[in-house]
Amino acid sequence: MQNLDSVQFEREWTKLGLSICQTIYSDPEIQKIREALQNRGYLSVEEKGRFIDICNRIKYEIIFQTYGKEGSEGYAEFINNWNSWFQSKAMNSMQDRSRRNSVDHILVGSSPDPEVFLLNFEKEISGNS
């Protein structure tokens, strides 16, 4: 991987972010948490914590599979590209945090809100396809 221009990086990173979100949503543990939310109408603190842990695990598994493990040349190039992109693009939207969708959260390095993600996933993803 070489240093990419921000437009090319954003295109590739957005595509990967969508894939990360789809993988998160289809995870069996995430589906159990989703069922609990549908049954009760809310998530416990423990369920929210598990959701975030699973999101982070899946996100980094996919990033490492795509760019290489932490410490590798490919991962270092990804981090450089991500930092440049983040500085130029994402920092401008820090004021708009509440309007981010789940993919946007993954792209800027945060986890999506568990309840919003689980309740609105199909609608959000159809808007990003």
Protein backbone atom coordinates (compact mmCIF):
# COMPACT_ATOMS: atom_id res chain seq x y z
CA MET A 1 0.00 0.00 0.00
CA GLN A 2 1.30 3.42 -0.86
CA ASN A 3 0.35 6.82 0.44
CA LEU A 4 -2.98 7.51 -1.18
CA ASP A 5 -4.57 10.81 -1.96
CA SER A 6 -7.36 11.63 0.45
CA VAL A 7 -10.13 11.03 -2.11
CA GLN A 8 -8.87 7.56 -2.99
CA PHE A 9 -8.27 6.70 0.67
CA GLU A 10 -11.73 7.93 1.65
CA ARG A 11 -13.34 5.82 -1.08
CA GLU A 12 -11.48 2.66 0.01
CA TRP A 13 -11.88 3.36 3.74
CA THR A 14 -15.62 4.05 3.37
CA LYS A 15 -16.06 0.77 1.50
CA LEU A 16 -14.13 -1.07 4.23
CA GLY A 17 -16.12 0.75 6.95
CA LEU A 18 -19.36 -0.47 5.39
CA SER A 19 -17.99 -4.01 5.30
CA ILE A 20 -16.94 -3.71 8.96
CA CYS A 21 -20.46 -2.59 9.94
CA GLN A 22 -22.06 -5.44 7.98
CA THR A 23 -19.75 -7.95 9.68
CA ILE A 24 -20.55 -6.47 13.09
CA TYR A 25 -24.29 -6.62 12.43
CA SER A 26 -24.19 -10.25 11.30
CA ASP A 27 -22.11 -11.42 14.29
CA PRO A 28 -24.10 -13.98 16.33
CA GLU A 29 -23.37 -12.22 19.63
CA ILE A 30 -24.51 -8.90 18.17
CA GLN A 31 -27.72 -10.58 17.02
CA LYS A 32 -28.33 -11.82 20.59
CA ILE A 33 -27.85 -8.26 21.86
CA ARG A 34 -30.22 -7.02 19.14
CA GLU A 35 -32.86 -9.54 20.24
CA ALA A 36 -32.51 -8.36 23.85
CA LEU A 37 -33.01 -4.78 22.70
CA GLN A 38 -36.09 -5.72 20.67
CA ASN A 39 -37.56 -7.68 23.59
CA ARG A 40 -36.91 -5.11 26.33
CA GLY A 41 -36.66 -1.85 24.43
CA TYR A 42 -33.27 -1.01 25.97
CA LEU A 43 -29.83 -2.50 26.56
CA SER A 44 -28.14 -3.07 29.90
CA VAL A 45 -24.77 -1.48 30.62
CA GLU A 46 -23.18 -4.94 30.22
CA GLU A 47 -24.81 -5.44 26.80
CA LYS A 48 -23.62 -2.02 25.65
CA GLY A 49 -20.11 -2.88 26.84
CA ARG A 50 -20.17 -6.23 25.02
CA PHE A 51 -21.40 -4.49 21.87
CA ILE A 52 -18.48 -2.04 21.96
CA ASP A 53 -15.97 -4.84 22.67
CA ILE A 54 -17.29 -6.89 19.73
CA CYS A 55 -17.25 -3.82 17.44
CA ASN A 56 -13.65 -3.08 18.30
CA ARG A 57 -12.56 -6.70 17.90
CA ILE A 58 -14.21 -7.04 14.48
CA LYS A 59 -13.00 -3.62 13.31
CA TYR A 60 -9.37 -4.41 14.12
CA GLU A 61 -9.55 -7.97 12.79
CA ILE A 62 -10.68 -6.60 9.42
CA ILE A 63 -8.18 -3.74 9.44
CA PHE A 64 -5.33 -6.16 10.26
CA GLN A 65 -6.49 -8.62 7.57
CA THR A 66 -6.63 -5.80 5.02
CA TYR A 67 -3.51 -3.79 5.85
CA GLY A 68 -1.35 -6.08 7.96
CA LYS A 69 -0.83 -6.56 11.67
CA GLU A 70 0.08 -3.73 14.00
CA GLY A 71 3.74 -2.91 13.50
CA SER A 72 3.81 -4.06 9.87
CA GLU A 73 4.71 -1.74 6.99
CA GLY A 74 1.21 -2.03 5.53
CA TYR A 75 -0.42 -1.11 8.83
CA ALA A 76 1.97 1.84 9.29
CA GLU A 77 1.04 3.12 5.82
CA PHE A 78 -2.66 2.70 6.65
CA ILE A 79 -2.21 4.70 9.86
CA ASN A 80 -0.35 7.45 7.97
CA ASN A 81 -3.10 7.60 5.33
CA TRP A 82 -5.81 7.51 8.01
CA ASN A 83 -4.17 10.29 10.03
CA SER A 84 -3.86 12.50 6.95
CA TRP A 85 -7.47 11.80 5.99
CA PHE A 86 -8.67 12.38 9.56
CA GLN A 87 -6.81 15.69 9.82
CA SER A 88 -8.24 16.97 6.54
CA LYS A 89 -11.74 15.50 6.59
CA ALA A 90 -13.02 14.11 9.85
CA MET A 91 -11.85 16.84 12.18
CA ASN A 92 -14.07 19.26 10.27
CA SER A 93 -17.10 17.21 11.29
CA MET A 94 -16.40 16.99 15.03
CA GLN A 95 -19.24 19.46 15.62
CA ASP A 96 -21.61 17.07 13.82
CA ARG A 97 -20.99 14.01 16.02
CA SER A 98 -24.66 13.53 16.85
CA ARG A 99 -25.52 13.36 13.13
CA ARG A 100 -23.00 10.64 12.28
CA ASN A 101 -24.27 7.29 11.14
CA SER A 102 -22.69 4.00 12.21
CA VAL A 103 -20.27 3.81 9.28
CA ASP A 104 -19.09 7.37 10.01
CA HIS A 105 -18.36 6.37 13.61
CA ILE A 106 -16.25 3.43 12.44
CA LEU A 107 -14.41 5.65 9.93
CA VAL A 108 -13.36 8.23 12.53
CA GLY A 109 -12.28 5.58 15.03
CA SER A 110 -15.22 5.49 17.42
CA SER A 111 -17.90 2.88 18.03
CA PRO A 112 -21.48 3.43 16.91
CA ASP A 113 -24.17 3.87 19.53
CA PRO A 114 -25.35 0.29 20.23
CA GLU A 115 -29.08 1.02 20.28
CA VAL A 116 -29.04 3.30 17.25
CA PHE A 117 -26.91 0.80 15.31
CA LEU A 118 -29.10 -2.18 16.16
CA LEU A 119 -32.40 -0.40 15.53
CA ASN A 120 -31.44 1.54 12.39
CA PHE A 121 -28.83 -0.65 10.70
CA GLU A 122 -30.79 -1.56 7.57
CA LYS A 123 -31.92 2.03 6.99
CA GLU A 124 -28.41 3.43 7.53
CA ILE A 125 -26.75 0.88 5.29
CA SER A 126 -29.24 1.34 2.47
CA GLY A 127 -28.27 5.01 2.51
CA ASN A 128 -24.56 4.13 2.22
CA SER A 129 -24.74 1.54 -0.55
